[in-house]
Amino acid sequence: MQQLPDLALPIQWVERLISRMQALYGAKFAAQWEGVDLIALKQAWAEELAGYSGEEIARGLSACRERPFPPTLPEFMVLCRPPVNPEIAFHEAVQGLSARKKGERGNWSHPAIYYTALDVGQHDVLNCTYGAIKARWEKCLRAQLAKTEWADIPDAHVALPAPAKTEQSNREAQAAMDRLGARGVLNRSGRDHKAWARKILANEKGKSPAVVAMARRALGEGAV
């Protein structure tokens, strides 16, 4: 038997796929492939489905439930990777990115749509109309769809806002300096006027961000 190419779909996947279709279609499946060598059939499907992910294979099988007759190999490939309408994909990206801003993964019918949104730019996708970025969106989408594989879509995380500088935080920082004797140090001649800042930065644990930032500014390091 001819050896399968390195990039072919694992033969175990093909065997499970064929077994599932036999269960779905029964005699219809057997009739469609009557007279075809089973080993050659498995090899052809393994080679043609090279690069298809488990998620895509599952999508194709799910679509078979709505078909009264088993698909041919080319038909099944289309079921796994249905044509993507650029405008529908854009609106899917808008919804998906909006969900991700809330910490949700978002619903993505194809990973290429997610990575197209990143290529175009999340700000533009969320703030522009489809007509305004149509040409750029379609160009990036074509480039993504031309790929044979994509990285998994990562989980979303809500970005924590930077601590706001408020009058209260400034008062708290000043009070912390008082507790550390900072004012006294600043007013004593002949002493290290920045000793209080060095003391804070030597052990930042338990100190508020405002206090640490003030110490850094005193030492000329700037706020971080």
Foldseek 3Di string as FASTA:
>chain_A
DDDADPQFAPLVVLVVLLVLVCVLQPVLSCVVCPPPDPVVVSRVLRNVCRLQDPQLLVQLSVVCNVPNHDDDSVVSNCSSPPDDDLQVLLVQCLQQVVCLLVQARGDHPDVLSVVLCVVVPVVCSNPDDCVVCVVSSVVSSVVSVVDSYDDDRDGGDHDDDDDDDDPVLVVVLVVVCVVLCLVVLCPDPPHDNLVSLVVCVVPVPPPDLSNVQVSCVVVVNHRD
